[in-house]
Amino acid sequence: GIIIECPPTLNDREQTAAQIQKERGATFIHPS
């Protein structure tokens, strides 16, 4: 896995994941 660290809040996690989706075209997969 390629780790991207972010501040420890849900909002930061979601924003960082959204940024990766936008920049790299990756598909988001929710854990549940």
Full PDB file with SEQRES, HELIX, SHEET, SSBOND, CRYST1, ORIGX, SCALE, CONECT and MASTER records, all heavy atoms in Angstrom:
SEQRES   1 A   32  GLY ILE ILE ILE GLU CYS PRO PRO THR LEU ASN ASP ARG          
SEQRES   2 A   32  GLU GLN THR ALA ALA GLN ILE GLN LYS GLU ARG GLY ALA          
SEQRES   3 A   32  THR PHE ILE HIS PRO SER                                      
HELIX    1 AA1 LEU A   10  ARG A   24  1                                  15    
CRYST1    1.000    1.000    1.000  90.00  90.00  90.00 P 1           1          
ORIGX1      1.000000  0.000000  0.000000        0.00000                         
ORIGX2      0.000000  1.000000  0.000000        0.00000                         
ORIGX3      0.000000  0.000000  1.000000        0.00000                         
SCALE1      1.000000  0.000000  0.000000        0.00000                         
SCALE2      0.000000  1.000000  0.000000        0.00000                         
SCALE3      0.000000  0.000000  1.000000        0.00000                         
ATOM      1  N   GLY A   1       0.808  -1.210   0.000  1.00  0.00           N  
ATOM      2  CA  GLY A   1       0.000   0.000   0.000  1.00  0.00           C  
ATOM      3  C   GLY A   1       0.842   1.261   0.000  1.00  0.00           C  
ATOM      4  O   GLY A   1       1.921   1.293   0.600  1.00  0.00           O  
ATOM      5  N   ILE A   2       0.371   2.289  -0.686  1.00  0.00           N  
ATOM      6  CA  ILE A   2       1.050   3.583  -0.733  1.00  0.00           C  
ATOM      7  C   ILE A   2       0.370   4.495   0.280  1.00  0.00           C  
ATOM      8  O   ILE A   2      -0.793   4.878   0.112  1.00  0.00           O  
ATOM      9  CB  ILE A   2       0.958   4.204  -2.148  1.00  0.00           C  
ATOM     10  CG1 ILE A   2       1.570   3.245  -3.175  1.00  0.00           C  
ATOM     11  CG2 ILE A   2       1.645   5.569  -2.179  1.00  0.00           C  
ATOM     12  CD1 ILE A   2       1.243   3.601  -4.618  1.00  0.00           C  
ATOM     13  N   ILE A   3       1.068   4.821   1.359  1.00  0.00           N  
ATOM     14  CA  ILE A   3       0.456   5.563   2.464  1.00  0.00           C  
ATOM     15  C   ILE A   3       0.537   7.066   2.236  1.00  0.00           C  
ATOM     16  O   ILE A   3       1.589   7.598   1.891  1.00  0.00           O  
ATOM     17  CB  ILE A   3       1.139   5.206   3.805  1.00  0.00           C  
ATOM     18  CG1 ILE A   3       0.897   3.731   4.131  1.00  0.00           C  
ATOM     19  CG2 ILE A   3       0.619   6.095   4.936  1.00  0.00           C  
ATOM     20  CD1 ILE A   3       1.623   3.269   5.377  1.00  0.00           C  
ATOM     21  N   ILE A   4      -0.587   7.727   2.446  1.00  0.00           N  
ATOM     22  CA  ILE A   4      -0.644   9.189   2.461  1.00  0.00           C  
ATOM     23  C   ILE A   4      -1.164   9.574   3.849  1.00  0.00           C  
ATOM     24  O   ILE A   4      -2.291   9.232   4.204  1.00  0.00           O  
ATOM     25  CB  ILE A   4      -1.572   9.759   1.367  1.00  0.00           C  
ATOM     26  CG1 ILE A   4      -1.065   9.364  -0.025  1.00  0.00           C  
ATOM     27  CG2 ILE A   4      -1.662  11.272   1.483  1.00  0.00           C  
ATOM     28  CD1 ILE A   4      -1.656   8.073  -0.542  1.00  0.00           C  
ATOM     29  N   GLU A   5      -0.337  10.248   4.622  1.00  0.00           N  
ATOM     30  CA  GLU A   5      -0.740  10.609   5.985  1.00  0.00           C  
ATOM     31  C   GLU A   5      -1.515  11.924   5.990  1.00  0.00           C  
ATOM     32  O   GLU A   5      -1.315  12.791   5.127  1.00  0.00           O  
ATOM     33  CB  GLU A   5       0.483  10.715   6.891  1.00  0.00           C  
ATOM     34  CG  GLU A   5       1.159   9.380   7.145  1.00  0.00           C  
ATOM     35  CD  GLU A   5       2.172   9.438   8.277  1.00  0.00           C  
ATOM     36  OE1 GLU A   5       2.107  10.374   9.100  1.00  0.00           O  
ATOM     37  OE2 GLU A   5       3.039   8.545   8.346  1.00  0.00           O  
ATOM     38  N   CYS A   6      -2.397  12.058   6.974  1.00  0.00           N  
ATOM     39  CA  CYS A   6      -3.192  13.261   7.122  1.00  0.00           C  
ATOM     40  C   CYS A   6      -3.477  13.494   8.606  1.00  0.00           C  
ATOM     41  O   CYS A   6      -3.239  12.610   9.427  1.00  0.00           O  
ATOM     42  CB  CYS A   6      -4.506  13.130   6.342  1.00  0.00           C  
ATOM     43  SG  CYS A   6      -5.660  11.941   7.061  1.00  0.00           S  
ATOM     44  N   PRO A   7      -3.970  14.676   8.976  1.00  0.00           N  
ATOM     45  CA  PRO A   7      -4.350  14.903  10.383  1.00  0.00           C  
ATOM     46  C   PRO A   7      -5.428  13.914  10.823  1.00  0.00           C  
ATOM     47  O   PRO A   7      -6.210  13.430   9.994  1.00  0.00           O  
ATOM     48  CB  PRO A   7      -4.884  16.345  10.376  1.00  0.00           C  
ATOM     49  CG  PRO A   7      -4.204  16.983   9.207  1.00  0.00           C  
ATOM     50  CD  PRO A   7      -4.102  15.913   8.167  1.00  0.00           C  
ATOM     51  N   PRO A   8      -5.492  13.602  12.117  1.00  0.00           N  
ATOM     52  CA  PRO A   8      -6.371  12.545  12.611  1.00  0.00           C  
ATOM     53  C   PRO A   8      -7.831  12.951  12.828  1.00  0.00           C  
ATOM     54  O   PRO A   8      -8.374  12.821  13.923  1.00  0.00           O  
ATOM     55  CB  PRO A   8      -5.712  12.144  13.932  1.00  0.00           C  
ATOM     56  CG  PRO A   8      -5.075  13.397  14.417  1.00  0.00           C  
ATOM     57  CD  PRO A   8      -4.597  14.112  13.179  1.00  0.00           C  
ATOM     58  N   THR A   9      -8.470  13.464  11.785  1.00  0.00           N  
ATOM     59  CA  THR A   9      -9.906  13.744  11.865  1.00  0.00           C  
ATOM     60  C   THR A   9     -10.575  13.111  10.653  1.00  0.00           C  
ATOM     61  O   THR A   9      -9.946  12.948   9.594  1.00  0.00           O  
ATOM     62  CB  THR A   9     -10.208  15.252  11.866  1.00  0.00           C  
ATOM     63  OG1 THR A   9      -9.920  15.786  10.549  1.00  0.00           O  
ATOM     64  CG2 THR A   9      -9.391  15.976  12.919  1.00  0.00           C  
ATOM     65  N   LEU A  10     -11.857  12.757  10.791  1.00  0.00           N  
ATOM     66  CA  LEU A  10     -12.581  12.145   9.686  1.00  0.00           C  
ATOM     67  C   LEU A  10     -12.655  13.086   8.498  1.00  0.00           C  
ATOM     68  O   LEU A  10     -12.510  12.665   7.350  1.00  0.00           O  
ATOM     69  CB  LEU A  10     -13.991  11.751  10.143  1.00  0.00           C  
ATOM     70  CG  LEU A  10     -14.889  11.117   9.068  1.00  0.00           C  
ATOM     71  CD1 LEU A  10     -14.263   9.847   8.521  1.00  0.00           C  
ATOM     72  CD2 LEU A  10     -16.278  10.841   9.637  1.00  0.00           C  
ATOM     73  N   ASN A  11     -12.844  14.375   8.749  1.00  0.00           N  
ATOM     74  CA  ASN A  11     -12.923  15.355   7.672  1.00  0.00           C  
ATOM     75  C   ASN A  11     -11.632  15.392   6.868  1.00  0.00           C  
ATOM     76  O   ASN A  11     -11.654  15.421   5.628  1.00  0.00           O  
ATOM     77  CB  ASN A  11     -13.221  16.742   8.246  1.00  0.00           C  
ATOM     78  CG  ASN A  11     -13.444  17.774   7.156  1.00  0.00           C  
ATOM     79  OD1 ASN A  11     -14.302  17.610   6.298  1.00  0.00           O  
ATOM     80  ND2 ASN A  11     -12.664  18.850   7.191  1.00  0.00           N  
ATOM     81  N   ASP A  12     -10.495  15.373   7.571  1.00  0.00           N  
ATOM     82  CA  ASP A  12      -9.203  15.386   6.865  1.00  0.00           C  
ATOM     83  C   ASP A  12      -8.999  14.110   6.065  1.00  0.00           C  
ATOM     84  O   ASP A  12      -8.469  14.145   4.945  1.00  0.00           O  
ATOM     85  CB  ASP A  12      -8.060  15.552   7.879  1.00  0.00           C  
ATOM     86  CG  ASP A  12      -7.932  16.988   8.381  1.00  0.00           C  
ATOM     87  OD1 ASP A  12      -7.791  17.894   7.552  1.00  0.00           O  
ATOM     88  OD2 ASP A  12      -7.989  17.195   9.604  1.00  0.00           O  
ATOM     89  N   ARG A  13      -9.424  12.981   6.628  1.00  0.00           N  
ATOM     90  CA  ARG A  13      -9.277  11.713   5.911  1.00  0.00           C  
ATOM     91  C   ARG A  13     -10.094  11.723   4.630  1.00  0.00           C  
ATOM     92  O   ARG A  13      -9.610  11.315   3.556  1.00  0.00           O  
ATOM     93  CB  ARG A  13      -9.709  10.555   6.822  1.00  0.00           C  
ATOM     94  CG  ARG A  13      -8.709  10.234   7.897  1.00  0.00           C  
ATOM     95  CD  ARG A  13      -9.270   9.399   9.023  1.00  0.00           C  
ATOM     96  NE  ARG A  13      -9.842   8.135   8.591  1.00  0.00           N  
ATOM     97  CZ  ARG A  13      -9.982   7.078   9.390  1.00  0.00           C  
ATOM     98  NH1 ARG A  13      -9.599   7.149  10.649  1.00  0.00           N  
ATOM     99  NH2 ARG A  13     -10.528   5.969   8.941  1.00  0.00           N  
ATOM    100  N   GLU A  14     -11.325  12.203   4.721  1.00  0.00           N  
ATOM    101  CA  GLU A  14     -12.200  12.224   3.551  1.00  0.00           C  
ATOM    102  C   GLU A  14     -11.699  13.200   2.489  1.00  0.00           C  
ATOM    103  O   GLU A  14     -11.726  12.893   1.291  1.00  0.00           O  
ATOM    104  CB  GLU A  14     -13.627  12.592   3.975  1.00  0.00           C  
ATOM    105  CG  GLU A  14     -14.308  11.503   4.787  1.00  0.00           C  
ATOM    106  CD  GLU A  14     -15.681  11.904   5.292  1.00  0.00           C  
ATOM    107  OE1 GLU A  14     -15.954  13.136   5.308  1.00  0.00           O  
ATOM    108  OE2 GLU A  14     -16.469  11.029   5.664  1.00  0.00           O  
ATOM    109  N   GLN A  15     -11.229  14.372   2.933  1.00  0.00           N  
ATOM    110  CA  GLN A  15     -10.713  15.364   1.985  1.00  0.00           C  
ATOM    111  C   GLN A  15      -9.461  14.864   1.278  1.00  0.00           C  
ATOM    112  O   GLN A  15      -9.287  15.074   0.071  1.00  0.00           O  
ATOM    113  CB  GLN A  15     -10.433  16.673   2.711  1.00  0.00           C  
ATOM    114  CG  GLN A  15     -11.679  17.462   3.081  1.00  0.00           C  
ATOM    115  CD  GLN A  15     -11.355  18.849   3.625  1.00  0.00           C  
ATOM    116  OE1 GLN A  15     -10.197  19.210   3.801  1.00  0.00           O  
ATOM    117  NE2 GLN A  15     -12.397  19.628   3.885  1.00  0.00           N  
ATOM    118  N   THR A  16      -8.576  14.208   2.028  1.00  0.00           N  
ATOM    119  CA  THR A  16      -7.339  13.689   1.432  1.00  0.00           C  
ATOM    120  C   THR A  16      -7.650  12.596   0.420  1.00  0.00           C  
ATOM    121  O   THR A  16      -7.054  12.560  -0.673  1.00  0.00           O  
ATOM    122  CB  THR A  16      -6.402  13.146   2.527  1.00  0.00           C  
ATOM    123  OG1 THR A  16      -6.161  14.166   3.496  1.00  0.00           O  
ATOM    124  CG2 THR A  16      -5.078  12.695   1.931  1.00  0.00           C  
ATOM    125  N   ALA A  17      -8.583  11.704   0.760  1.00  0.00           N  
ATOM    126  CA  ALA A  17      -8.974  10.642  -0.182  1.00  0.00           C  
ATOM    127  C   ALA A  17      -9.594  11.243  -1.442  1.00  0.00           C  
ATOM    128  O   ALA A  17      -9.313  10.790  -2.562  1.00  0.00           O  
ATOM    129  CB  ALA A  17      -9.959   9.687   0.491  1.00  0.00           C  
ATOM    130  N   ALA A  18     -10.413  12.279  -1.273  1.00  0.00           N  
ATOM    131  CA  ALA A  18     -11.038  12.933  -2.425  1.00  0.00           C  
ATOM    132  C   ALA A  18      -9.993  13.594  -3.319  1.00  0.00           C  
ATOM    133  O   ALA A  18     -10.115  13.585  -4.553  1.00  0.00           O  
ATOM    134  CB  ALA A  18     -12.055  13.970  -1.946  1.00  0.00           C  
ATOM    135  N   GLN A  19      -8.955  14.144  -2.697  1.00  0.00           N  
ATOM    136  CA  GLN A  19      -7.885  14.781  -3.464  1.00  0.00           C  
ATOM    137  C   GLN A  19      -7.127  13.748  -4.308  1.00  0.00           C  
ATOM    138  O   GLN A  19      -6.786  14.008  -5.465  1.00  0.00           O  
ATOM    139  CB  GLN A  19      -6.919  15.474  -2.501  1.00  0.00           C  
ATOM    140  CG  GLN A  19      -5.828  16.278  -3.202  1.00  0.00           C  
ATOM    141  CD  GLN A  19      -4.943  17.009  -2.208  1.00  0.00           C  
ATOM    142  OE1 GLN A  19      -5.214  17.051  -1.014  1.00  0.00           O  
ATOM    143  NE2 GLN A  19      -3.860  17.586  -2.715  1.00  0.00           N  
ATOM    144  N   ILE A  20      -6.895  12.577  -3.745  1.00  0.00           N  
ATOM    145  CA  ILE A  20      -6.210  11.516  -4.491  1.00  0.00           C  
ATOM    146  C   ILE A  20      -7.082  11.041  -5.653  1.00  0.00           C  
ATOM    147  O   ILE A  20      -6.585  10.787  -6.758  1.00  0.00           O  
ATOM    148  CB  ILE A  20      -5.865  10.338  -3.550  1.00  0.00           C  
ATOM    149  CG1 ILE A  20      -4.809  10.784  -2.540  1.00  0.00           C  
ATOM    150  CG2 ILE A  20      -5.363   9.130  -4.349  1.00  0.00           C  
ATOM    151  CD1 ILE A  20      -4.597   9.814  -1.413  1.00  0.00           C  
ATOM    152  N   GLN A  21      -8.381  10.933  -5.407  1.00  0.00           N  
ATOM    153  CA  GLN A  21      -9.301  10.564  -6.483  1.00  0.00           C  
ATOM    154  C   GLN A  21      -9.189  11.554  -7.644  1.00  0.00           C  
ATOM    155  O   GLN A  21      -9.115  11.164  -8.812  1.00  0.00           O  
ATOM    156  CB  GLN A  21     -10.743  10.567  -5.976  1.00  0.00           C  
ATOM    157  CG  GLN A  21     -11.129   9.373  -5.129  1.00  0.00           C  
ATOM    158  CD  GLN A  21     -12.580   9.465  -4.710  1.00  0.00           C  
ATOM    159  OE1 GLN A  21     -12.900  10.013  -3.664  1.00  0.00           O  
ATOM    160  NE2 GLN A  21     -13.471   8.936  -5.524  1.00  0.00           N  
ATOM    161  N   LYS A  22      -9.163  12.824  -7.304  1.00  0.00           N  
ATOM    162  CA  LYS A  22      -9.132  13.874  -8.332  1.00  0.00           C  
ATOM    163  C   LYS A  22      -7.798  13.900  -9.060  1.00  0.00           C  
ATOM    164  O   LYS A  22      -7.752  14.001 -10.298  1.00  0.00           O  
ATOM    165  CB  LYS A  22      -9.401  15.233  -7.666  1.00  0.00           C  
ATOM    166  CG  LYS A  22      -9.461  16.395  -8.636  1.00  0.00           C  
ATOM    167  CD  LYS A  22      -9.785  17.691  -7.908  1.00  0.00           C  
ATOM    168  CE  LYS A  22      -9.822  18.872  -8.881  1.00  0.00           C  
ATOM    169  NZ  LYS A  22     -10.130  20.150  -8.174  1.00  0.00           N  
ATOM    170  N   GLU A  23      -6.697  13.828  -8.315  1.00  0.00           N  
ATOM    171  CA  GLU A  23      -5.377  13.979  -8.917  1.00  0.00           C  
ATOM    172  C   GLU A  23      -4.904  12.733  -9.664  1.00  0.00           C  
ATOM    173  O   GLU A  23      -4.222  12.829 -10.682  1.00  0.00           O  
ATOM    174  CB  GLU A  23      -4.349  14.333  -7.825  1.00  0.00           C  
ATOM    175  CG  GLU A  23      -4.570  15.711  -7.205  1.00  0.00           C  
ATOM    176  CD  GLU A  23      -3.580  15.991  -6.089  1.00  0.00           C  
ATOM    177  OE1 GLU A  23      -2.790  15.068  -5.728  1.00  0.00           O  
ATOM    178  OE2 GLU A  23      -3.593  17.119  -5.560  1.00  0.00           O  
ATOM    179  N   ARG A  24      -5.244  11.555  -9.149  1.00  0.00           N  
ATOM    180  CA  ARG A  24      -4.687  10.323  -9.720  1.00  0.00           C  
ATOM    181  C   ARG A  24      -5.734   9.440 -10.380  1.00  0.00           C  
ATOM    182  O   ARG A  24      -5.415   8.405 -10.944  1.00  0.00           O  
ATOM    183  CB  ARG A  24      -3.948   9.535  -8.634  1.00  0.00           C  
ATOM    184  CG  ARG A  24      -2.945  10.428  -7.903  1.00  0.00           C  
ATOM    185  CD  ARG A  24      -2.072   9.676  -6.941  1.00  0.00           C  
ATOM    186  NE  ARG A  24      -1.309  10.606  -6.105  1.00  0.00           N  
ATOM    187  CZ  ARG A  24      -0.353  10.262  -5.254  1.00  0.00           C  
ATOM    188  NH1 ARG A  24      -0.033   8.988  -5.131  1.00  0.00           N  
ATOM    189  NH2 ARG A  24       0.279  11.162  -4.531  1.00  0.00           N  
ATOM    190  N   GLY A  25      -7.001   9.831 -10.273  1.00  0.00           N  
ATOM    191  CA  GLY A  25      -8.050   9.059 -10.927  1.00  0.00           C  
ATOM    192  C   GLY A  25      -8.375   7.752 -10.242  1.00  0.00           C  
ATOM    193  O   GLY A  25      -9.051   6.888 -10.818  1.00  0.00           O  
ATOM    194  N   ALA A  26      -7.906   7.582  -9.017  1.00  0.00           N  
ATOM    195  CA  ALA A  26      -8.163   6.340  -8.288  1.00  0.00           C  
ATOM    196  C   ALA A  26      -9.632   6.245  -7.878  1.00  0.00           C  
ATOM    197  O   ALA A  26     -10.294   7.259  -7.666  1.00  0.00           O  
ATOM    198  CB  ALA A  26      -7.264   6.269  -7.049  1.00  0.00           C  
ATOM    199  N   THR A  27     -10.114   5.019  -7.767  1.00  0.00           N  
ATOM    200  CA  THR A  27     -11.500   4.771  -7.364  1.00  0.00           C  
ATOM    201  C   THR A  27     -11.573   4.587  -5.855  1.00  0.00           C  
ATOM    202  O   THR A  27     -10.835   3.775  -5.287  1.00  0.00           O  
ATOM    203  CB  THR A  27     -12.050   3.511  -8.052  1.00  0.00           C  
ATOM    204  OG1 THR A  27     -12.020   3.701  -9.474  1.00  0.00           O  
ATOM    205  CG2 THR A  27     -13.488   3.237  -7.612  1.00  0.00           C  
ATOM    206  N   PHE A  28     -12.477   5.316  -5.210  1.00  0.00           N  
ATOM    207  CA  PHE A  28     -12.619   5.191  -3.754  1.00  0.00           C  
ATOM    208  C   PHE A  28     -13.416   3.944  -3.410  1.00  0.00           C  
ATOM    209  O   PHE A  28     -14.457   3.673  -4.006  1.00  0.00           O  
ATOM    210  CB  PHE A  28     -13.329   6.419  -3.170  1.00  0.00           C  
ATOM    211  CG  PHE A  28     -13.529   6.327  -1.679  1.00  0.00           C  
ATOM    212  CD1 PHE A  28     -12.469   6.493  -0.817  1.00  0.00           C  
ATOM    213  CD2 PHE A  28     -14.788   6.040  -1.153  1.00  0.00           C  
ATOM    214  CE1 PHE A  28     -12.644   6.409   0.560  1.00  0.00           C  
ATOM    215  CE2 PHE A  28     -14.973   5.947   0.215  1.00  0.00           C  
ATOM    216  CZ  PHE A  28     -13.893   6.121   1.081  1.00  0.00           C  
ATOM    217  N   ILE A  29     -12.921   3.176  -2.449  1.00  0.00           N  
ATOM    218  CA  ILE A  29     -13.629   1.996  -1.954  1.00  0.00           C  
ATOM    219  C   ILE A  29     -13.836   2.157  -0.459  1.00  0.00           C  
ATOM    220  O   ILE A  29     -12.870   2.242   0.308  1.00  0.00           O  
ATOM    221  CB  ILE A  29     -12.857   0.698  -2.268  1.00  0.00           C  
ATOM    222  CG1 ILE A  29     -12.726   0.525  -3.782  1.00  0.00           C  
ATOM    223  CG2 ILE A  29     -13.574  -0.505  -1.639  1.00  0.00           C  
ATOM    224  CD1 ILE A  29     -11.954  -0.713  -4.196  1.00  0.00           C  
ATOM    225  N   HIS A  30     -15.090   2.195  -0.052  1.00  0.00           N  
ATOM    226  CA  HIS A  30     -15.410   2.349   1.361  1.00  0.00           C  
ATOM    227  C   HIS A  30     -15.227   1.015   2.083  1.00  0.00           C  
ATOM    228  O   HIS A  30     -15.570  -0.039   1.545  1.00  0.00           O  
ATOM    229  CB  HIS A  30     -16.849   2.839   1.521  1.00  0.00           C  
ATOM    230  CG  HIS A  30     -17.168   3.338   2.891  1.00  0.00           C  
ATOM    231  ND1 HIS A  30     -17.463   2.482   3.948  1.00  0.00           N  
ATOM    232  CD2 HIS A  30     -17.221   4.599   3.407  1.00  0.00           C  
ATOM    233  CE1 HIS A  30     -17.681   3.190   5.032  1.00  0.00           C  
ATOM    234  NE2 HIS A  30     -17.540   4.480   4.737  1.00  0.00           N  
ATOM    235  N   PRO A  31     -14.709   1.033   3.312  1.00  0.00           N  
ATOM    236  CA  PRO A  31     -14.458  -0.217   4.038  1.00  0.00           C  
ATOM    237  C   PRO A  31     -15.699  -1.049   4.345  1.00  0.00           C  
ATOM    238  O   PRO A  31     -15.582  -2.268   4.534  1.00  0.00           O  
ATOM    239  CB  PRO A  31     -13.814   0.260   5.350  1.00  0.00           C  
ATOM    240  CG  PRO A  31     -13.213   1.583   5.025  1.00  0.00           C  
ATOM    241  CD  PRO A  31     -14.141   2.202   4.028  1.00  0.00           C  
ATOM    242  N   SER A  32     -16.878  -0.436   4.399  1.00  0.00           N  
ATOM    243  CA  SER A  32     -18.066  -1.208   4.792  1.00  0.00           C  
ATOM    244  C   SER A  32     -19.342  -0.816   4.062  1.00  0.00           C  
ATOM    245  O   SER A  32     -20.234  -1.649   3.897  1.00  0.00           O  
ATOM    246  CB  SER A  32     -18.312  -1.067   6.305  1.00  0.00           C  
ATOM    247  OG  SER A  32     -18.439   0.297   6.670  1.00  0.00           O  
TER     248      SER A  32                                                      
MASTER        0    0    0    1    0    0    0    6  247    1    0    3          
END                                                                             
